[in-house]
C-alpha atoms as a PDB file:
ATOM      1  CA  MET A   1    -104.744 -42.069-168.308  1.00  0.00           C
ATOM      2  CA  GLY A   2    -103.738 -39.258-165.952  1.00  0.00           C
ATOM      3  CA  ARG A   3    -100.140 -39.134-164.757  1.00  0.00           C
ATOM      4  CA  MET A   4     -97.672 -41.055-166.864  1.00  0.00           C
ATOM      5  CA  THR A   5     -96.237 -43.430-164.269  1.00  0.00           C
ATOM      6  CA  THR A   6     -94.212 -46.561-164.915  1.00  0.00           C
ATOM      7  CA  THR A   7     -92.387 -49.271-163.060  1.00  0.00           C
ATOM      8  CA  VAL A   8     -89.367 -51.260-164.125  1.00  0.00           C
ATOM      9  CA  SER A   9     -89.109 -55.028-163.996  1.00  0.00           C
ATOM     10  CA  PRO A  10     -86.464 -57.466-165.310  1.00  0.00           C
ATOM     11  CA  THR A  11     -88.785 -58.296-168.214  1.00  0.00           C
ATOM     12  CA  LEU A  12     -91.348 -56.030-169.840  1.00  0.00           C
ATOM     13  CA  GLY A  13     -94.769 -57.055-168.532  1.00  0.00           C
ATOM     14  CA  ALA A  14     -97.989 -57.207-170.535  1.00  0.00           C
ATOM     15  CA  ASP A  15     -99.534 -54.211-168.758  1.00  0.00           C
ATOM     16  CA  GLU A  16     -96.455 -52.072-169.347  1.00  0.00           C
ATOM     17  CA  ALA A  17     -96.309 -53.145-172.977  1.00  0.00           C
ATOM     18  CA  THR A  18     -99.972 -52.192-173.454  1.00  0.00           C
ATOM     19  CA  THR A  19     -99.429 -48.771-171.868  1.00  0.00           C
ATOM     20  CA  TYR A  20     -96.353 -48.064-173.958  1.00  0.00           C
ATOM     21  CA  ALA A  21     -98.091 -49.254-177.130  1.00  0.00           C
ATOM     22  CA  ASP A  22    -100.902 -46.752-176.478  1.00  0.00           C
ATOM     23  CA  TRP A  23     -98.376 -43.941-176.070  1.00  0.00           C
ATOM     24  CA  PHE A  24     -96.428 -44.860-179.193  1.00  0.00           C
ATOM     25  CA  ALA A  25     -99.612 -45.398-181.217  1.00  0.00           C
ATOM     26  CA  CYS A  26    -100.778 -41.904-180.303  1.00  0.00           C
ATOM     27  CA  LEU A  27     -97.526 -40.524-181.711  1.00  0.00           C
ATOM     28  CA  ALA A  28     -97.726 -42.580-184.885  1.00  0.00           C
ATOM     29  CA  GLU A  29     -99.435 -39.593-186.548  1.00  0.00           C
ATOM     30  CA  PRO A  30     -97.052 -36.828-187.675  1.00  0.00           C
ATOM     31  CA  THR A  31     -99.486 -34.007-186.917  1.00  0.00           C
ATOM     32  CA  ARG A  32     -99.727 -35.139-183.297  1.00  0.00           C
ATOM     33  CA  VAL A  33     -95.946 -35.201-183.016  1.00  0.00           C
ATOM     34  CA  ARG A  34     -95.803 -31.632-184.319  1.00  0.00           C
ATOM     35  CA  LEU A  35     -98.586 -30.545-181.988  1.00  0.00           C
ATOM     36  CA  LEU A  36     -96.970 -32.125-178.945  1.00  0.00           C
ATOM     37  CA  HIS A  37     -93.671 -30.468-179.804  1.00  0.00           C
ATOM     38  CA  ALA A  38     -95.341 -27.084-180.234  1.00  0.00           C
ATOM     39  CA  VAL A  39     -97.075 -27.349-176.863  1.00  0.00           C
ATOM     40  CA  ALA A  40     -93.931 -28.674-175.130  1.00  0.00           C
ATOM     41  CA  VAL A  41     -91.707 -25.795-176.268  1.00  0.00           C
ATOM     42  CA  ALA A  42     -94.313 -23.088-175.634  1.00  0.00           C
ATOM     43  CA  THR A  43     -93.506 -20.802-172.725  1.00  0.00           C
ATOM     44  CA  LYS A  44     -97.188 -20.419-171.777  1.00  0.00           C
ATOM     45  CA  PRO A  45    -100.495 -22.249-172.269  1.00  0.00           C
ATOM     46  CA  VAL A  46    -101.643 -22.199-175.877  1.00  0.00           C
ATOM     47  CA  THR A  47    -105.034 -22.381-177.565  1.00  0.00           C
ATOM     48  CA  VAL A  48    -106.303 -24.438-180.472  1.00  0.00           C
ATOM     49  CA  GLY A  49    -106.462 -21.242-182.521  1.00  0.00           C
ATOM     50  CA  GLU A  50    -102.804 -20.492-181.878  1.00  0.00           C
ATOM     51  CA  LEU A  51    -101.765 -24.052-182.751  1.00  0.00           C
ATOM     52  CA  THR A  52    -103.917 -23.982-185.887  1.00  0.00           C
ATOM     53  CA  GLU A  53    -102.149 -20.861-187.095  1.00  0.00           C
ATOM     54  CA  GLN A  54     -98.686 -22.079-186.117  1.00  0.00           C
ATOM     55  CA  LEU A  55     -98.971 -25.482-187.828  1.00  0.00           C
ATOM     56  CA  GLY A  56    -101.113 -24.416-190.774  1.00  0.00           C
ATOM     57  CA  ILE A  57    -103.884 -26.963-190.155  1.00  0.00           C
ATOM     58  CA  SER A  58    -107.644 -26.634-189.806  1.00  0.00           C
ATOM     59  CA  GLN A  59    -109.245 -26.008-186.424  1.00  0.00           C
ATOM     60  CA  SER A  60    -111.211 -29.263-186.542  1.00  0.00           C
ATOM     61  CA  THR A  61    -108.064 -31.261-187.320  1.00  0.00           C
ATOM     62  CA  CYS A  62    -106.184 -29.531-184.532  1.00  0.00           C
ATOM     63  CA  SER A  63    -108.968 -30.120-181.983  1.00  0.00           C
ATOM     64  CA  HIS A  64    -109.184 -33.785-182.936  1.00  0.00           C
ATOM     65  CA  HIS A  65    -105.481 -34.440-182.470  1.00  0.00           C
ATOM     66  CA  VAL A  66    -105.228 -32.377-179.286  1.00  0.00           C
ATOM     67  CA  ARG A  67    -107.987 -34.513-177.799  1.00  0.00           C
ATOM     68  CA  LYS A  68    -106.066 -37.673-178.739  1.00  0.00           C
ATOM     69  CA  LEU A  69    -102.949 -36.292-177.039  1.00  0.00           C
ATOM     70  CA  ALA A  70    -104.973 -35.434-173.949  1.00  0.00           C
ATOM     71  CA  ASP A  71    -106.555 -38.901-173.820  1.00  0.00           C
ATOM     72  CA  VAL A  72    -103.173 -40.567-173.192  1.00  0.00           C
ATOM     73  CA  GLY A  73    -101.914 -37.811-170.911  1.00  0.00           C
ATOM     74  CA  PHE A  74     -99.382 -36.045-173.132  1.00  0.00           C
ATOM     75  CA  VAL A  75    -101.150 -32.676-172.762  1.00  0.00           C
ATOM     76  CA  LEU A  76    -103.460 -31.134-170.165  1.00  0.00           C
ATOM     77  CA  LEU A  77    -106.585 -29.138-171.013  1.00  0.00           C
ATOM     78  CA  LYS A  78    -108.013 -26.337-168.882  1.00  0.00           C
ATOM     79  CA  LYS A  79    -111.258 -24.572-169.697  1.00  0.00           C
ATOM     80  CA  GLU A  80    -111.370 -20.809-169.141  1.00  0.00           C
ATOM     81  CA  GLY A  81    -114.722 -19.471-170.302  1.00  0.00           C
ATOM     82  CA  THR A  82    -115.095 -20.500-173.929  1.00  0.00           C
ATOM     83  CA  THR A  83    -111.338 -20.974-174.390  1.00  0.00           C
ATOM     84  CA  THR A  84    -109.402 -24.203-173.802  1.00  0.00           C
ATOM     85  CA  LEU A  85    -105.822 -23.718-172.653  1.00  0.00           C
ATOM     86  CA  ILE A  86    -103.372 -26.477-173.580  1.00  0.00           C
ATOM     87  CA  THR A  87    -100.175 -27.256-171.672  1.00  0.00           C
ATOM     88  CA  VAL A  88     -97.735 -30.138-171.790  1.00  0.00           C
ATOM     89  CA  ASN A  89     -98.063 -32.719-169.019  1.00  0.00           C
ATOM     90  CA  ALA A  90     -94.705 -32.337-167.276  1.00  0.00           C
ATOM     91  CA  ALA A  91     -94.866 -36.001-166.258  1.00  0.00           C
ATOM     92  CA  CYS A  92     -94.681 -37.079-169.901  1.00  0.00           C
ATOM     93  CA  CYS A  93     -91.276 -35.403-170.186  1.00  0.00           C
ATOM     94  CA  THR A  94     -90.102 -38.139-167.837  1.00  0.00           C
ATOM     95  CA  GLY A  95     -92.504 -40.942-168.694  1.00  0.00           C
ATOM     96  CA  LEU A  96     -92.028 -40.996-172.461  1.00  0.00           C
ATOM     97  CA  PRO A  97     -88.194 -41.213-172.449  1.00  0.00           C
ATOM     98  CA  HIS A  98     -88.470 -43.730-169.609  1.00  0.00           C
ATOM     99  CA  ALA A  99     -90.807 -45.870-171.729  1.00  0.00           C
ATOM    100  CA  ALA A 100     -88.397 -45.805-174.673  1.00  0.00           C
ATOM    101  CA  ASP A 101     -85.527 -46.814-172.380  1.00  0.00           C
ATOM    102  CA  ALA A 102     -87.569 -49.672-170.925  1.00  0.00           C
ATOM    103  CA  VAL A 103     -88.532 -51.029-174.363  1.00  0.00           C
ATOM    104  CA  MET A 104     -84.969 -50.791-175.660  1.00  0.00           C
ATOM    105  CA  GLY A 105     -83.518 -52.520-172.603  1.00  0.00           C
ATOM    106  CA  VAL A 106     -81.524 -49.507-171.405  1.00  0.00           C
ATOM    107  CA  LEU A 107     -82.957 -49.941-167.905  1.00  0.00           C
ATOM    108  CA  ALA A 108     -81.873 -53.542-167.536  1.00  0.00           C
ATOM    109  CA  PRO A 109     -78.976 -54.203-165.146  1.00  0.00           C
ATOM    110  CA  ARG A 110     -75.597 -54.409-166.815  1.00  0.00           C
ATOM    111  CA  GLY A 111     -72.247 -55.683-165.771  1.00  0.00           C
ATOM    112  CA  CYS A 112     -69.434 -53.456-164.624  1.00  0.00           C
ATOM    113  CA  CYS A 113     -67.516 -51.929-166.083  1.00  0.00           C
ATOM    114  CA  PRO A 114     -66.420 -50.491-169.444  1.00  0.00           C
ATOM    115  CA  ALA A 115     -62.849 -51.424-170.305  1.00  0.00           C
ATOM    116  CA  ASP A 116     -62.173 -48.448-172.584  1.00  0.00           C
ATOM    117  CA  LEU A 117     -61.067 -46.047-169.867  1.00  0.00           C
ATOM    118  CA  PRO A 118     -59.148 -42.989-171.106  1.00  0.00           C
ATOM    119  CA  ALA A 119     -55.426 -43.333-170.403  1.00  0.00           C
ATOM    120  CA  ASP A 120     -54.939 -39.667-169.533  1.00  0.00           C
ATOM    121  CA  VAL A 121     -57.308 -39.756-166.534  1.00  0.00           C
ATOM    122  CA  THR A 122     -55.881 -40.992-163.245  1.00  0.00           C
ATOM    123  CA  VAL A 123     -57.709 -41.552-159.954  1.00  0.00           C
ATOM    124  CA  ARG A 124     -56.377 -41.264-156.421  1.00  0.00           C
ATOM    125  CA  ALA A 125     -57.755 -40.897-152.909  1.00  0.00           C
ATOM    126  CA  MET A 126     -59.022 -37.456-151.925  1.00  0.00           C
ATOM    127  CA  THR A 127     -56.814 -35.447-149.562  1.00  0.00           C
ATOM    128  CA  THR A 128     -57.363 -32.327-147.467  1.00  0.00           C
ATOM    129  CA  GLN A 129     -55.543 -30.275-150.122  1.00  0.00           C
ATOM    130  CA  ASP A 130     -58.288 -31.118-152.628  1.00  0.00           C
ATOM    131  CA  TRP A 131     -61.143 -29.340-150.828  1.00  0.00           C
ATOM    132  CA  PRO A 132     -60.941 -26.048-152.748  1.00  0.00           C
ATOM    133  CA  ALA A 133     -61.094 -27.898-156.091  1.00  0.00           C
ATOM    134  CA  VAL A 134     -63.834 -30.240-154.826  1.00  0.00           C
ATOM    135  CA  ARG A 135     -66.050 -27.351-153.757  1.00  0.00           C
ATOM    136  CA  ARG A 136     -65.341 -25.428-156.988  1.00  0.00           C
ATOM    137  CA  ILE A 137     -66.371 -28.413-159.106  1.00  0.00           C
ATOM    138  CA  TYR A 138     -69.424 -28.890-156.902  1.00  0.00           C
ATOM    139  CA  ALA A 139     -70.415 -25.285-157.690  1.00  0.00           C
ATOM    140  CA  GLU A 140     -69.961 -25.952-161.413  1.00  0.00           C
ATOM    141  CA  GLY A 141     -72.324 -28.905-161.108  1.00  0.00           C
ATOM    142  CA  ILE A 142     -74.915 -26.802-159.296  1.00  0.00           C
ATOM    143  CA  ALA A 143     -74.681 -24.219-162.089  1.00  0.00           C
ATOM    144  CA  THR A 144     -75.868 -26.758-164.691  1.00  0.00           C
ATOM    145  CA  GLY A 145     -79.260 -26.974-162.975  1.00  0.00           C
ATOM    146  CA  ASP A 146     -79.421 -30.733-163.489  1.00  0.00           C
ATOM    147  CA  ALA A 147     -76.863 -32.130-161.040  1.00  0.00           C
ATOM    148  CA  THR A 148     -78.385 -31.681-157.585  1.00  0.00           C
ATOM    149  CA  PHE A 149     -81.186 -30.144-155.551  1.00  0.00           C
ATOM    150  CA  GLU A 150     -78.536 -28.132-153.712  1.00  0.00           C
ATOM    151  CA  THR A 151     -78.494 -24.443-154.598  1.00  0.00           C
ATOM    152  CA  GLU A 152     -75.329 -23.602-152.656  1.00  0.00           C
ATOM    153  CA  VAL A 153     -72.142 -25.587-152.130  1.00  0.00           C
ATOM    154  CA  PRO A 154     -72.199 -27.287-148.716  1.00  0.00           C
ATOM    155  CA  GLN A 155     -69.494 -26.321-146.269  1.00  0.00           C
ATOM    156  CA  ARG A 156     -66.356 -28.449-146.153  1.00  0.00           C
ATOM    157  CA  GLN A 157     -67.174 -29.576-142.618  1.00  0.00           C
ATOM    158  CA  THR A 158     -70.615 -30.772-143.755  1.00  0.00           C
ATOM    159  CA  LEU A 159     -69.202 -32.851-146.606  1.00  0.00           C
ATOM    160  CA  ASP A 160     -66.286 -34.142-144.540  1.00  0.00           C
ATOM    161  CA  SER A 161     -68.596 -35.345-141.785  1.00  0.00           C
ATOM    162  CA  LYS A 162     -70.937 -37.296-144.042  1.00  0.00           C
ATOM    163  CA  TRP A 163     -68.702 -38.825-146.733  1.00  0.00           C
ATOM    164  CA  LEU A 164     -67.145 -42.230-146.074  1.00  0.00           C
ATOM    165  CA  PRO A 165     -63.378 -41.633-145.622  1.00  0.00           C
ATOM    166  CA  GLU A 166     -62.391 -44.719-147.642  1.00  0.00           C
ATOM    167  CA  HIS A 167     -64.656 -43.864-150.576  1.00  0.00           C
ATOM    168  CA  ARG A 168     -63.588 -40.401-151.697  1.00  0.00           C
ATOM    169  CA  TRP A 169     -61.838 -40.186-155.043  1.00  0.00           C
ATOM    170  CA  ILE A 170     -60.159 -37.526-157.145  1.00  0.00           C
ATOM    171  CA  ALA A 171     -59.704 -37.719-160.928  1.00  0.00           C
ATOM    172  CA  GLU A 172     -56.772 -35.849-162.456  1.00  0.00           C
ATOM    173  CA  ILE A 173     -55.710 -34.906-165.952  1.00  0.00           C
ATOM    174  CA  ASP A 174     -52.155 -33.592-166.316  1.00  0.00           C
ATOM    175  CA  GLY A 175     -51.979 -33.066-162.558  1.00  0.00           C
ATOM    176  CA  GLU A 176     -55.141 -30.927-162.425  1.00  0.00           C
ATOM    177  CA  VAL A 177     -58.240 -31.997-160.493  1.00  0.00           C
ATOM    178  CA  ALA A 178     -60.848 -32.859-163.113  1.00  0.00           C
ATOM    179  CA  GLY A 179     -63.572 -34.376-160.966  1.00  0.00           C
ATOM    180  CA  TRP A 180     -64.442 -36.186-157.769  1.00  0.00           C
ATOM    181  CA  ALA A 181     -66.605 -38.988-156.428  1.00  0.00           C
ATOM    182  CA  ALA A 182     -67.791 -39.720-152.913  1.00  0.00           C
ATOM    183  CA  ALA A 183     -70.121 -42.087-151.063  1.00  0.00           C
ATOM    184  CA  THR A 184     -72.428 -41.271-148.150  1.00  0.00           C
ATOM    185  CA  PRO A 185     -73.981 -43.855-145.781  1.00  0.00           C
ATOM    186  CA  VAL A 186     -77.756 -43.979-146.178  1.00  0.00           C
ATOM    187  CA  SER A 187     -78.350 -44.810-142.519  1.00  0.00           C
ATOM    188  CA  THR A 188     -76.623 -45.080-139.163  1.00  0.00           C
ATOM    189  CA  ARG A 189     -78.316 -48.440-138.507  1.00  0.00           C
ATOM    190  CA  ASP A 190     -75.900 -51.339-138.568  1.00  0.00           C
ATOM    191  CA  CYS A 191     -78.044 -53.401-140.933  1.00  0.00           C
ATOM    192  CA  TYR A 192     -77.501 -50.754-143.623  1.00  0.00           C
ATOM    193  CA  ARG A 193     -73.743 -50.396-143.097  1.00  0.00           C
ATOM    194  CA  GLY A 194     -73.067 -51.670-146.627  1.00  0.00           C
ATOM    195  CA  VAL A 195     -75.465 -49.277-148.378  1.00  0.00           C
ATOM    196  CA  ALA A 196     -74.223 -45.910-149.631  1.00  0.00           C
ATOM    197  CA  GLU A 197     -75.419 -43.075-151.828  1.00  0.00           C
ATOM    198  CA  THR A 198     -72.952 -42.006-154.480  1.00  0.00           C
ATOM    199  CA  SER A 199     -72.055 -38.658-156.022  1.00  0.00           C
ATOM    200  CA  VAL A 200     -69.909 -38.004-159.095  1.00  0.00           C
ATOM    201  CA  TYR A 201     -68.999 -34.513-160.314  1.00  0.00           C
ATOM    202  CA  VAL A 202     -66.856 -33.493-163.287  1.00  0.00           C
ATOM    203  CA  GLY A 203     -65.357 -30.028-163.782  1.00  0.00           C
ATOM    204  CA  ASP A 204     -66.952 -28.077-166.605  1.00  0.00           C
ATOM    205  CA  THR A 205     -63.730 -27.843-168.613  1.00  0.00           C
ATOM    206  CA  PHE A 206     -63.171 -31.606-168.470  1.00  0.00           C
ATOM    207  CA  ARG A 207     -66.572 -32.913-169.487  1.00  0.00           C
ATOM    208  CA  GLY A 208     -66.711 -35.307-172.411  1.00  0.00           C
ATOM    209  CA  ARG A 209     -63.247 -36.749-171.719  1.00  0.00           C
ATOM    210  CA  GLY A 210     -64.278 -39.867-169.813  1.00  0.00           C
ATOM    211  CA  VAL A 211     -63.614 -38.463-166.343  1.00  0.00           C
ATOM    212  CA  GLY A 212     -66.997 -39.590-165.030  1.00  0.00           C
ATOM    213  CA  LYS A 213     -66.491 -43.051-166.476  1.00  0.00           C
ATOM    214  CA  VAL A 214     -63.137 -43.457-164.712  1.00  0.00           C
ATOM    215  CA  LEU A 215     -64.497 -42.130-161.416  1.00  0.00           C
ATOM    216  CA  LEU A 216     -67.489 -44.451-161.482  1.00  0.00           C
ATOM    217  CA  HIS A 217     -65.259 -47.402-162.359  1.00  0.00           C
ATOM    218  CA  LYS A 218     -63.101 -46.667-159.329  1.00  0.00           C
ATOM    219  CA  GLN A 219     -66.086 -46.016-157.109  1.00  0.00           C
ATOM    220  CA  VAL A 220     -67.888 -49.279-157.807  1.00  0.00           C
ATOM    221  CA  THR A 221     -64.801 -51.499-157.811  1.00  0.00           C
ATOM    222  CA  ALA A 222     -63.610 -49.947-154.534  1.00  0.00           C
ATOM    223  CA  ALA A 223     -67.090 -50.374-153.072  1.00  0.00           C
ATOM    224  CA  ASP A 224     -67.093 -54.068-154.000  1.00  0.00           C
ATOM    225  CA  ALA A 225     -63.672 -54.542-152.440  1.00  0.00           C
ATOM    226  CA  GLY A 226     -64.558 -52.455-149.389  1.00  0.00           C
ATOM    227  CA  GLY A 227     -67.677 -54.324-148.344  1.00  0.00           C
ATOM    228  CA  LEU A 228     -70.369 -52.001-149.680  1.00  0.00           C
ATOM    229  CA  TRP A 229     -73.040 -54.281-151.090  1.00  0.00           C
ATOM    230  CA  THR A 230     -75.413 -51.652-152.485  1.00  0.00           C
ATOM    231  CA  LEU A 231     -74.759 -48.290-154.110  1.00  0.00           C
ATOM    232  CA  GLN A 232     -77.665 -46.014-154.895  1.00  0.00           C
ATOM    233  CA  THR A 233     -78.139 -42.621-156.493  1.00  0.00           C
ATOM    234  CA  ALA A 234     -80.879 -40.291-157.691  1.00  0.00           C
ATOM    235  CA  ILE A 235     -80.495 -38.436-160.990  1.00  0.00           C
ATOM    236  CA  PHE A 236     -82.680 -35.857-162.690  1.00  0.00           C
ATOM    237  CA  PRO A 237     -84.257 -37.511-165.780  1.00  0.00           C
ATOM    238  CA  GLU A 238     -83.031 -34.605-167.883  1.00  0.00           C
ATOM    239  CA  ASN A 239     -79.439 -35.613-167.109  1.00  0.00           C
ATOM    240  CA  ARG A 240     -79.318 -38.307-169.781  1.00  0.00           C
ATOM    241  CA  ALA A 241     -75.522 -38.488-169.876  1.00  0.00           C
ATOM    242  CA  SER A 242     -75.327 -39.325-166.172  1.00  0.00           C
ATOM    243  CA  LEU A 243     -78.057 -41.950-166.490  1.00  0.00           C
ATOM    244  CA  ALA A 244     -76.208 -43.647-169.355  1.00  0.00           C
ATOM    245  CA  LEU A 245     -72.941 -43.501-167.427  1.00  0.00           C
ATOM    246  CA  HIS A 246     -74.458 -45.206-164.387  1.00  0.00           C
ATOM    247  CA  HIS A 247     -76.205 -47.863-166.453  1.00  0.00           C
ATOM    248  CA  ALA A 248     -72.855 -48.706-168.049  1.00  0.00           C
ATOM    249  CA  ALA A 249     -71.351 -49.079-164.566  1.00  0.00           C
ATOM    250  CA  GLY A 250     -73.901 -51.711-163.564  1.00  0.00           C
ATOM    251  CA  PHE A 251     -76.600 -49.533-162.014  1.00  0.00           C
ATOM    252  CA  ARG A 252     -80.208 -50.377-162.791  1.00  0.00           C
ATOM    253  CA  THR A 253     -83.206 -48.074-162.674  1.00  0.00           C
ATOM    254  CA  LEU A 254     -85.624 -48.950-159.891  1.00  0.00           C
ATOM    255  CA  GLY A 255     -88.167 -46.306-160.768  1.00  0.00           C
ATOM    256  CA  VAL A 256     -89.018 -42.650-161.203  1.00  0.00           C
ATOM    257  CA  ARG A 257     -89.765 -40.675-158.043  1.00  0.00           C
ATOM    258  CA  GLU A 258     -92.287 -38.130-159.229  1.00  0.00           C
ATOM    259  CA  ARG A 259     -92.266 -34.603-157.813  1.00  0.00           C
ATOM    260  CA  ILE A 260     -89.917 -35.740-155.063  1.00  0.00           C
ATOM    261  CA  ALA A 261     -88.711 -32.216-154.151  1.00  0.00           C
ATOM    262  CA  GLN A 262     -88.719 -28.627-155.316  1.00  0.00           C
ATOM    263  CA  HIS A 263     -85.789 -27.083-157.138  1.00  0.00           C
ATOM    264  CA  HIS A 264     -85.893 -23.295-157.442  1.00  0.00           C
ATOM    265  CA  GLY A 265     -89.612 -23.489-156.703  1.00  0.00           C
ATOM    266  CA  VAL A 266     -90.346 -26.154-159.319  1.00  0.00           C
ATOM    267  CA  TRP A 267     -91.342 -29.731-158.476  1.00  0.00           C
ATOM    268  CA  ARG A 268     -88.936 -32.167-160.129  1.00  0.00           C
ATOM    269  CA  ASP A 269     -88.674 -35.914-160.650  1.00  0.00           C
ATOM    270  CA  THR A 270     -85.636 -38.075-160.036  1.00  0.00           C
ATOM    271  CA  VAL A 271     -84.669 -41.448-161.440  1.00  0.00           C
ATOM    272  CA  PHE A 272     -83.673 -43.785-158.610  1.00  0.00           C
ATOM    273  CA  LEU A 273     -80.864 -46.208-159.472  1.00  0.00           C
ATOM    274  CA  GLU A 274     -79.150 -49.010-157.590  1.00  0.00           C
ATOM    275  CA  ARG A 275     -76.115 -51.223-158.050  1.00  0.00           C
ATOM    276  CA  ARG A 276     -75.564 -54.445-156.137  1.00  0.00           C
ATOM    277  CA  ALA A 277     -72.099 -55.848-155.536  1.00  0.00           C
ATOM    278  CA  ALA A 278     -71.251 -58.689-157.902  1.00  0.00           C
ATOM    279  CA  ASP A 279     -71.454 -61.346-155.166  1.00  0.00           C
ATOM    280  CA  GLN A 280     -74.810 -59.987-153.895  1.00  0.00           C
ATOM    281  CA  ASN A 281     -76.883 -60.323-157.085  1.00  0.00           C
END
């Protein structure tokens, strides 16, 4: 197997199950788990000799297990003269967690929405006075490195022109803006008038307090009431909290878009999610 690619279906198919079983079987040996971890956290390509010394195993044992990891695509091997350089297959950083989610049913569509919303978070429509806070929180999201491909906060005029006026929301805690959500039409064609791409950002001092949960709850219920039949979003696979939040709000994973764009010069994947209105399923 080369690249670790997967698709998601309502039920786990036989081919997917076979692929995942091969991956999990490869990792059913503790030495391979240690080797994969060592390669994954290394800041540069490593050699069998270096891994042998680091893990305290024989060279023949190391070579055997490295080959097994390479056979299923967890690591990549590059020959340079008489030396073999070993690197982690970046695709497995997405594919392996994705496989676990698929097996455990995390990717299946779920109903909306959680009822345990925090009482101290309130949501209201966005106003012109909120723009400074909205752009500040946007910048805080960019700073995490896992929120967006944007590297600079878009101008107010840019955001104002693309966001749907009826689907912009502000979350507050004790009167302070804690986060925001907005929806952008995916197309100007009339047939797609009910399809929008969503964004949810939480200020860095308010994370972990349920702000995102409340914003998403408002976003999807307002979308249902406002005639939007499909919401979609793309999330970096490393942003596990956001993925879990969207799954809980009724989004389902459609697939992983591999190397979809560069971020600070590095090709990155995104997980593409979609939520259909309740009366459109």
